[in-house]
Amino acid sequence: MVVVRINKNHSYYQMKVSGHASFDVFGKDTICAGVSCILFGGINALGKYLQGDEWFVVSDKDICITIDKLNHEVEVIMETIWIQLKTIEDSFPKNIQIIIQEVEKC
C-alpha cells in the first residue's frame, strides 16, 4: 500500500509518500505510476517558487517534501498534489491511504 503522511499547519507543510500500491507487478503498476507523476510534477512546479533542492528528498523507499515557509503559490501547489492523490485514494482505497495531521511545529 502507498501511504501518504501529511503534517501541516498555517506555515509548515510536510508530505511523505512511501510504499508500493501492489495493484500490479512492479514496473506495470498504474497506481504507483500515477502517484509518481503527481509527485514529480508537483516537485517541478514547486521548484519555480522555492530556492535550492533541500526541501525535498527522493530515496529508494520514499519521497519527502518539507516546506517551512508557505506562500500562496506553494500552498496551492501542495493542496493540488493532495487533491490529486485523494482522487486516486477514493478510487483505490486498498492501494493508497492518506493520513493528515494538523500539527504545531516546535
Protein backbone atom coordinates (compact mmCIF):
# COMPACT_ATOMS: atom_id res chain seq x y z
CA MET A 1 0.00 0.00 0.00
CA VAL A 2 1.15 3.55 -0.76
CA VAL A 3 0.98 5.64 2.41
CA VAL A 4 0.87 9.43 2.21
CA ARG A 5 1.51 11.22 5.50
CA ILE A 6 0.74 14.92 5.58
CA ASN A 7 1.69 17.12 8.52
CA LYS A 8 0.68 20.75 8.26
CA ASN A 9 -0.29 23.98 9.96
CA HIS A 10 -0.56 27.59 8.80
CA SER A 11 3.16 27.93 7.94
CA TYR A 12 4.51 24.38 7.70
CA TYR A 13 3.73 21.55 5.29
CA GLN A 14 5.34 18.12 5.07
CA MET A 15 4.29 15.28 2.80
CA LYS A 16 5.98 11.88 2.97
CA VAL A 17 5.00 9.18 0.49
CA SER A 18 6.19 5.60 0.86
CA GLY A 19 5.26 2.05 -0.05
CA HIS A 20 4.02 0.25 -3.15
CA ALA A 21 0.40 0.09 -4.29
CA SER A 22 0.59 -3.65 -5.19
CA PHE A 23 -2.09 -3.08 -7.82
CA ASP A 24 0.04 -4.85 -10.45
CA VAL A 25 3.56 -6.24 -10.74
CA PHE A 26 6.48 -3.89 -10.18
CA GLY A 27 7.05 -1.80 -13.29
CA LYS A 28 3.45 -2.16 -14.50
CA ASP A 29 1.58 -0.74 -11.52
CA THR A 30 -0.56 2.11 -12.86
CA ILE A 31 -1.41 3.41 -9.37
CA CYS A 32 2.27 3.77 -8.49
CA ALA A 33 2.88 5.40 -11.85
CA GLY A 34 0.06 7.88 -11.23
CA VAL A 35 1.35 8.73 -7.75
CA SER A 36 4.88 9.22 -9.12
CA CYS A 37 3.64 11.51 -11.91
CA ILE A 38 1.67 13.63 -9.45
CA LEU A 39 4.62 13.94 -7.07
CA PHE A 40 7.29 14.72 -9.65
CA GLY A 41 5.01 17.16 -11.47
CA GLY A 42 4.34 18.84 -8.14
CA ILE A 43 8.05 18.97 -7.28
CA ASN A 44 8.75 20.56 -10.67
CA ALA A 45 6.03 23.17 -10.06
CA LEU A 46 7.28 23.88 -6.52
CA GLY A 47 10.78 24.37 -7.91
CA LYS A 48 9.58 27.55 -9.60
CA TYR A 49 8.82 29.10 -6.18
CA LEU A 50 11.40 27.52 -3.84
CA GLN A 51 15.16 28.02 -3.83
CA GLY A 52 17.62 25.12 -3.87
CA ASP A 53 16.62 21.48 -3.57
CA GLU A 54 16.91 20.86 0.18
CA TRP A 55 13.10 20.97 0.57
CA PHE A 56 12.62 17.53 -0.99
CA VAL A 57 14.30 14.15 -0.65
CA VAL A 58 13.82 11.23 -3.03
CA SER A 59 15.15 7.85 -1.91
CA ASP A 60 14.57 4.23 -2.93
CA LYS A 61 11.86 3.93 -0.28
CA ASP A 62 10.08 7.28 -0.13
CA ILE A 63 9.67 10.86 -1.25
CA CYS A 64 9.53 13.61 1.35
CA ILE A 65 8.63 17.25 0.73
CA THR A 66 9.14 19.66 3.62
CA ILE A 67 8.27 23.34 3.35
CA ASP A 68 8.88 25.63 6.31
CA LYS A 69 7.58 28.88 4.85
CA LEU A 70 4.36 28.67 2.90
CA ASN A 71 3.29 31.33 0.47
CA HIS A 72 0.08 31.34 -1.55
CA GLU A 73 1.55 29.71 -4.67
CA VAL A 74 3.30 26.95 -2.76
CA GLU A 75 0.21 26.25 -0.67
CA VAL A 76 -1.93 25.96 -3.81
CA ILE A 77 0.55 23.50 -5.37
CA MET A 78 0.67 21.36 -2.20
CA GLU A 79 -3.13 21.30 -1.95
CA THR A 80 -3.33 20.37 -5.65
CA ILE A 81 -0.96 17.44 -5.06
CA TRP A 82 -3.13 16.35 -2.12
CA ILE A 83 -6.37 16.60 -4.14
CA GLN A 84 -4.89 14.54 -6.98
CA LEU A 85 -3.66 11.85 -4.57
CA LYS A 86 -7.06 11.90 -2.79
CA THR A 87 -8.74 11.24 -6.12
CA ILE A 88 -6.67 8.05 -6.51
CA GLU A 89 -7.36 7.06 -2.88
CA ASP A 90 -11.11 7.47 -3.41
CA SER A 91 -11.00 5.01 -6.33
CA PHE A 92 -8.41 2.59 -4.91
CA PRO A 93 -8.64 2.62 -1.08
CA LYS A 94 -6.95 -0.79 -0.80
CA ASN A 95 -3.86 0.54 -2.57
CA ILE A 96 -3.31 4.06 -1.21
CA GLN A 97 -4.01 5.69 2.15
CA ILE A 98 -3.68 9.36 3.07
CA ILE A 99 -3.15 10.35 6.70
CA ILE A 100 -3.43 14.06 7.56
CA GLN A 101 -2.33 15.63 10.82
CA GLU A 102 -2.68 19.27 11.74
CA VAL A 103 0.44 19.89 13.83
CA GLU A 104 2.12 22.69 15.65
CA LYS A 105 5.76 22.88 14.71
CA CYS A 106 8.20 23.28 17.62
